[in-house]
Amino acid sequence: MYLDVRSDWLSYVDEIPRALVATNAVANLEALEQSPRHHHQKAQLLFTVRGVINCEVKEAVWIVPPQCAVWIPGGVPHTVFGSGEVECISLFIEPLGSANLPNECCTITVSSLFRHLLMRANALPELYDVDGPDGRIVSVIFDELAVAPVEDLRLPIPSDPRLKKLTDLLIAAPADHASVAQWASRIALSERSLNRLLAEEVGMSFGRWRRQLHVVLALRHLSAGQTVQAVAMDLGYESASSFVTMFRKMVGKPPSRYLSERLGPEPRSLSQQNAHDGSHGA
């Protein structure tokens, strides 16, 4: 199914009397760009099987590369869009039945065990037996979610109109080597005022905020198949090694290792998984 954010469908999901409701979605960038900002009573866990998902909330854009997930608490307005073709699993979770789950939006790492549980959850009947094997699977999913490592794959979005303009300029020209003072002058601010506003609104220096933007852009391009060398050049780095150094400092691992750990063996698509499950039931 395509990622559907119609208000009537979301109301239906909220009314299903289960702690977990799973859907799967295969969508392209054009379809997801049209998704309106929306919210739902249930929290949402959006797991990327293939492609890159971007989840925008009021104060930030969360990047979700393959084999990661974004947690969106219930009641938080958001919009979701993809980079190219995306395959994902969406779980809607009733907060009242889920203790020790995150209170804020975050990106989490999905282990191999957790990934298989999410794939299995995708095949659960809508009104699964809470006291049977399916109910126990849901309980384990909540346990795994509660202890899943959190990653800082987030680009803070400032609310000040001048900083929003700066964000647009940086995204449009990520390879621009202008100094902080030059960027400040382009939005009619002094360097000191720019740094003060960024500290107040996003809690980062200009340099760190820009590097975080580069990580977000790099993950989108690398997950789409671009080489490290090509991404480094597109982002304005003198060499691939200087880009890798930046990425390692920001994420903790070089880009090739980071992506290989998440992609691993080629995972089954959702259609293949569904066909596999169906063959066992025949």
Protein backbone atom coordinates (compact mmCIF):
# COMPACT_ATOMS: atom_id res chain seq x y z
CA MET A 1 0.00 0.00 0.00
CA TYR A 2 1.06 3.63 -0.41
CA LEU A 3 1.81 5.70 2.64
CA ASP A 4 -1.62 7.09 3.41
CA VAL A 5 -2.14 10.06 5.70
CA ARG A 6 -5.83 10.74 5.10
CA SER A 7 -7.48 11.95 8.27
CA ASP A 8 -10.21 9.30 8.08
CA TRP A 9 -7.62 6.51 7.82
CA LEU A 10 -5.60 7.89 10.73
CA SER A 11 -8.74 8.11 12.84
CA TYR A 12 -9.43 4.49 11.99
CA VAL A 13 -5.93 3.46 13.10
CA ASP A 14 -6.39 5.26 16.41
CA GLU A 15 -9.67 3.44 17.00
CA ILE A 16 -8.31 -0.09 16.49
CA PRO A 17 -8.38 -1.67 20.00
CA ARG A 18 -4.84 -3.02 19.95
CA ALA A 19 -1.55 -1.74 21.40
CA LEU A 20 0.11 -2.15 17.98
CA VAL A 21 -1.16 -1.67 14.44
CA ALA A 22 1.24 -2.39 11.57
CA THR A 23 1.14 -1.25 7.94
CA ASN A 24 3.71 -1.38 5.16
CA ALA A 25 4.28 1.20 2.47
CA VAL A 26 6.13 1.43 -0.84
CA ALA A 27 6.20 4.99 -2.08
CA ASN A 28 8.21 7.35 -4.21
CA LEU A 29 9.39 10.86 -3.48
CA GLU A 30 6.66 12.52 -5.55
CA ALA A 31 3.88 10.72 -3.65
CA LEU A 32 5.35 11.43 -0.25
CA GLU A 33 6.05 15.11 -1.02
CA GLN A 34 2.31 15.66 -1.15
CA SER A 35 1.68 14.24 2.31
CA PRO A 36 0.13 16.94 4.50
CA ARG A 37 1.29 17.64 8.03
CA HIS A 38 -0.71 15.38 10.31
CA HIS A 39 -0.77 13.73 13.72
CA HIS A 40 -2.39 10.76 15.40
CA GLN A 41 -3.18 9.67 18.93
CA LYS A 42 -1.02 6.56 18.69
CA ALA A 43 2.75 6.93 18.58
CA GLN A 44 4.44 5.82 15.34
CA LEU A 45 7.57 3.81 14.61
CA LEU A 46 8.61 4.18 10.99
CA PHE A 47 11.25 1.63 9.91
CA THR A 48 13.14 2.04 6.64
CA VAL A 49 13.65 -1.23 4.75
CA ARG A 50 15.06 0.47 1.64
CA GLY A 51 15.72 4.05 0.65
CA VAL A 52 15.88 7.04 3.00
CA ILE A 53 12.94 8.53 4.89
CA ASN A 54 12.89 12.09 6.18
CA CYS A 55 10.52 12.98 9.00
CA GLU A 56 9.93 16.68 9.58
CA VAL A 57 8.55 17.90 12.89
CA LYS A 58 8.30 21.50 14.02
CA GLU A 59 11.88 21.90 15.18
CA ALA A 60 13.88 19.38 13.14
CA VAL A 61 14.18 16.99 10.21
CA TRP A 62 15.04 13.44 11.18
CA ILE A 63 16.97 11.36 8.64
CA VAL A 64 16.15 7.64 8.60
CA PRO A 65 18.63 5.59 6.51
CA PRO A 66 18.09 1.88 5.70
CA GLN A 67 17.68 -0.40 8.73
CA CYS A 68 16.99 2.52 11.06
CA ALA A 69 13.68 3.82 12.39
CA VAL A 70 12.21 7.08 13.60
CA TRP A 71 10.00 7.23 16.68
CA ILE A 72 7.23 9.85 16.58
CA PRO A 73 5.31 10.29 19.85
CA GLY A 74 1.52 10.46 19.68
CA GLY A 75 0.02 13.88 19.04
CA VAL A 76 3.15 15.34 17.39
CA PRO A 77 2.38 17.05 14.04
CA HIS A 78 4.76 15.82 11.33
CA THR A 79 5.20 15.12 7.66
CA VAL A 80 7.16 12.30 6.03
CA PHE A 81 8.90 12.33 2.66
CA GLY A 82 11.32 10.00 0.95
CA SER A 83 14.50 10.26 -1.06
CA GLY A 84 13.75 8.22 -4.17
CA GLU A 85 11.83 4.98 -3.88
CA VAL A 86 11.23 3.97 -0.29
CA GLU A 87 10.06 0.77 1.35
CA CYS A 88 9.09 0.98 4.97
CA ILE A 89 7.12 -0.54 7.82
CA SER A 90 4.94 1.70 9.93
CA LEU A 91 3.84 0.64 13.40
CA PHE A 92 1.24 2.62 15.31
CA ILE A 93 1.63 2.05 19.04
CA GLU A 94 -0.76 2.89 21.85
CA PRO A 95 1.29 4.90 24.40
CA LEU A 96 -0.81 3.82 27.37
CA GLY A 97 0.07 0.17 26.77
CA SER A 98 3.77 0.76 26.20
CA ALA A 99 5.91 1.58 29.22
CA ASN A 100 9.49 2.89 29.00
CA LEU A 101 9.18 4.05 25.39
CA PRO A 102 10.78 7.31 24.18
CA ASN A 103 9.02 10.54 25.13
CA GLU A 104 10.50 12.56 22.27
CA CYS A 105 11.07 12.14 18.56
CA CYS A 106 14.32 10.22 17.88
CA THR A 107 16.11 8.01 15.37
CA ILE A 108 16.99 4.52 16.59
CA THR A 109 19.23 1.71 15.39
CA VAL A 110 17.37 -1.48 14.51
CA SER A 111 19.21 -4.71 15.39
CA SER A 112 18.88 -7.87 13.32
CA LEU A 113 16.50 -9.37 15.89
CA PHE A 114 14.42 -6.19 16.02
CA ARG A 115 14.25 -6.07 12.22
CA HIS A 116 12.88 -9.61 12.02
CA LEU A 117 10.33 -8.80 14.71
CA LEU A 118 9.18 -5.75 12.76
CA MET A 119 8.86 -7.81 9.58
CA ARG A 120 6.83 -10.36 11.53
CA ALA A 121 4.66 -7.62 13.04
CA ASN A 122 3.86 -6.44 9.55
CA ALA A 123 2.01 -9.73 8.96
CA LEU A 124 -0.02 -9.64 12.17
CA PRO A 125 -3.80 -9.64 11.80
CA GLU A 126 -5.39 -6.32 12.69
CA LEU A 127 -7.18 -7.84 15.71
CA TYR A 128 -4.45 -10.23 16.80
CA ASP A 129 -4.91 -12.40 19.88
CA VAL A 130 -3.49 -10.33 22.73
CA ASP A 131 -3.05 -13.40 24.94
CA GLY A 132 -1.68 -15.68 22.21
CA PRO A 133 1.66 -15.95 20.35
CA ASP A 134 1.01 -12.72 18.40
CA GLY A 135 0.49 -10.82 21.64
CA ARG A 136 3.80 -12.13 22.96
CA ILE A 137 5.55 -10.95 19.78
CA VAL A 138 4.14 -7.47 20.38
CA SER A 139 5.45 -7.54 23.96
CA VAL A 140 8.95 -8.41 22.73
CA ILE A 141 8.78 -5.60 20.17
CA PHE A 142 8.06 -3.15 22.98
CA ASP A 143 10.98 -4.58 24.98
CA GLU A 144 13.34 -4.16 22.01
CA LEU A 145 12.09 -0.65 21.32
CA ALA A 146 12.68 0.39 24.93
CA VAL A 147 16.39 -0.56 24.78
CA ALA A 148 17.18 0.32 21.13
CA PRO A 149 20.21 2.64 20.77
CA VAL A 150 19.35 6.24 19.84
CA GLU A 151 21.27 8.03 17.07
CA ASP A 152 21.51 11.78 16.57
CA LEU A 153 20.51 11.81 12.90
CA ARG A 154 18.72 15.12 13.18
CA LEU A 155 18.98 18.50 11.54
CA PRO A 156 17.54 21.19 13.85
CA ILE A 157 15.36 23.70 11.99
CA PRO A 158 15.40 27.23 13.42
CA SER A 159 12.20 29.24 13.61
CA ASP A 160 13.77 32.68 13.06
CA PRO A 161 13.01 33.76 9.43
CA ARG A 162 16.61 34.82 8.84
CA LEU A 163 17.93 31.45 9.98
CA LYS A 164 15.33 29.68 7.83
CA LYS A 165 16.64 31.64 4.86
CA LEU A 166 20.17 30.58 5.80
CA THR A 167 19.02 26.94 5.95
CA ASP A 168 17.66 27.22 2.40
CA LEU A 169 20.89 28.83 1.19
CA LEU A 170 23.05 26.10 2.75
CA ILE A 171 20.91 23.32 1.28
CA ALA A 172 20.99 24.97 -2.16
CA ALA A 173 24.79 25.37 -2.09
CA PRO A 174 26.31 22.82 0.32
CA ALA A 175 29.75 23.15 -1.32
CA ASP A 176 29.96 26.92 -0.80
CA HIS A 177 33.14 27.69 1.18
CA ALA A 178 32.02 31.11 2.44
CA SER A 179 33.12 32.08 5.95
CA VAL A 180 30.70 32.40 8.85
CA ALA A 181 30.89 36.20 8.50
CA GLN A 182 30.01 35.97 4.81
CA TRP A 183 27.03 33.68 5.47
CA ALA A 184 25.88 36.07 8.19
CA SER A 185 26.05 39.08 5.86
CA ARG A 186 23.87 37.27 3.30
CA ILE A 187 21.01 37.26 5.81
CA ALA A 188 21.72 40.75 7.13
CA LEU A 189 23.27 39.66 10.43
CA SER A 190 26.64 40.13 12.06
CA GLU A 191 28.74 37.04 12.72
CA ARG A 192 28.19 37.52 16.46
CA SER A 193 24.39 37.78 16.07
CA LEU A 194 24.32 34.70 13.85
CA ASN A 195 26.21 32.63 16.40
CA ARG A 196 24.00 33.90 19.23
CA LEU A 197 20.77 33.06 17.34
CA LEU A 198 22.00 29.60 16.42
CA ALA A 199 22.97 28.88 20.02
CA GLU A 200 19.53 29.99 21.18
CA GLU A 201 17.48 28.19 18.52
CA VAL A 202 19.36 24.98 17.69
CA GLY A 203 21.94 24.71 20.47
CA MET A 204 24.82 24.37 18.00
CA SER A 205 27.61 26.47 16.57
CA PHE A 206 27.42 27.36 12.88
CA GLY A 207 30.18 24.85 12.09
CA ARG A 208 28.52 21.93 13.85
CA TRP A 209 25.08 22.77 12.43
CA ARG A 210 26.50 22.87 8.90
CA ARG A 211 28.35 19.57 9.42
CA GLN A 212 25.09 18.03 10.66
CA LEU A 213 23.45 19.20 7.43
CA HIS A 214 26.28 17.58 5.46
CA VAL A 215 25.71 14.28 7.29
CA VAL A 216 22.00 14.40 6.41
CA LEU A 217 22.71 15.16 2.76
CA ALA A 218 25.50 12.56 2.60
CA LEU A 219 23.28 9.78 3.96
CA ARG A 220 20.61 10.58 1.37
CA HIS A 221 23.11 10.43 -1.50
CA LEU A 222 25.14 7.45 -0.24
CA SER A 223 21.99 5.39 0.38
CA ALA A 224 20.95 6.16 -3.20
CA GLY A 225 24.18 4.58 -4.46
CA GLN A 226 26.53 7.54 -4.93
CA THR A 227 30.19 6.97 -4.14
CA VAL A 228 31.99 8.54 -1.19
CA GLN A 229 34.20 10.44 -3.65
CA ALA A 230 31.20 11.89 -5.50
CA VAL A 231 29.44 12.91 -2.29
CA ALA A 232 32.61 14.51 -0.93
CA MET A 233 32.95 16.62 -4.08
CA ASP A 234 29.26 17.59 -4.07
CA LEU A 235 29.58 18.79 -0.47
CA GLY A 236 32.72 20.82 -1.19
CA TYR A 237 35.39 18.74 0.55
CA GLU A 238 38.92 18.82 -0.86
CA SER A 239 39.16 15.05 -0.80
CA ALA A 240 37.23 11.93 0.11
CA SER A 241 39.46 11.46 3.15
CA SER A 242 38.59 14.89 4.58
CA PHE A 243 34.88 14.10 4.14
CA VAL A 244 35.32 10.69 5.80
CA THR A 245 37.10 12.36 8.73
CA MET A 246 34.18 14.77 9.22
CA PHE A 247 31.61 11.97 8.96
CA ARG A 248 33.48 9.81 11.49
CA LYS A 249 33.67 12.67 13.99
CA MET A 250 29.94 13.38 13.65
CA VAL A 251 28.55 9.83 13.49
CA GLY A 252 31.28 7.76 15.13
CA LYS A 253 32.07 5.59 12.09
CA PRO A 254 33.26 6.13 8.51
CA PRO A 255 30.40 6.23 5.95
CA SER A 256 31.23 2.88 4.30
CA ARG A 257 31.17 1.04 7.63
CA TYR A 258 28.10 2.92 8.83
CA LEU A 259 26.08 1.93 5.76
CA SER A 260 27.42 -1.62 5.48
CA GLU A 261 26.35 -2.34 9.07
CA ARG A 262 22.85 -1.16 8.26
CA LEU A 263 22.45 -2.67 4.83
CA GLY A 264 24.17 -5.99 5.60
CA PRO A 265 22.82 -8.91 3.53
CA GLU A 266 20.16 -7.83 1.06
CA PRO A 267 16.93 -7.91 3.11
CA ARG A 268 13.75 -9.39 1.76
CA SER A 269 11.33 -6.86 0.39
CA LEU A 270 7.95 -6.69 2.07
CA SER A 271 6.31 -8.42 -0.89
CA GLN A 272 8.84 -11.27 -0.70
CA GLN A 273 8.30 -11.54 3.05
CA ASN A 274 4.53 -11.68 2.61
CA ALA A 275 4.87 -14.37 -0.08
CA HIS A 276 7.19 -16.36 2.19
CA ASP A 277 4.75 -16.15 5.09
CA GLY A 278 1.90 -17.18 2.82
CA SER A 279 3.75 -20.25 1.57
CA HIS A 280 4.20 -21.46 5.16
CA GLY A 281 0.52 -21.07 5.78
CA ALA A 282 -0.52 -23.10 2.72
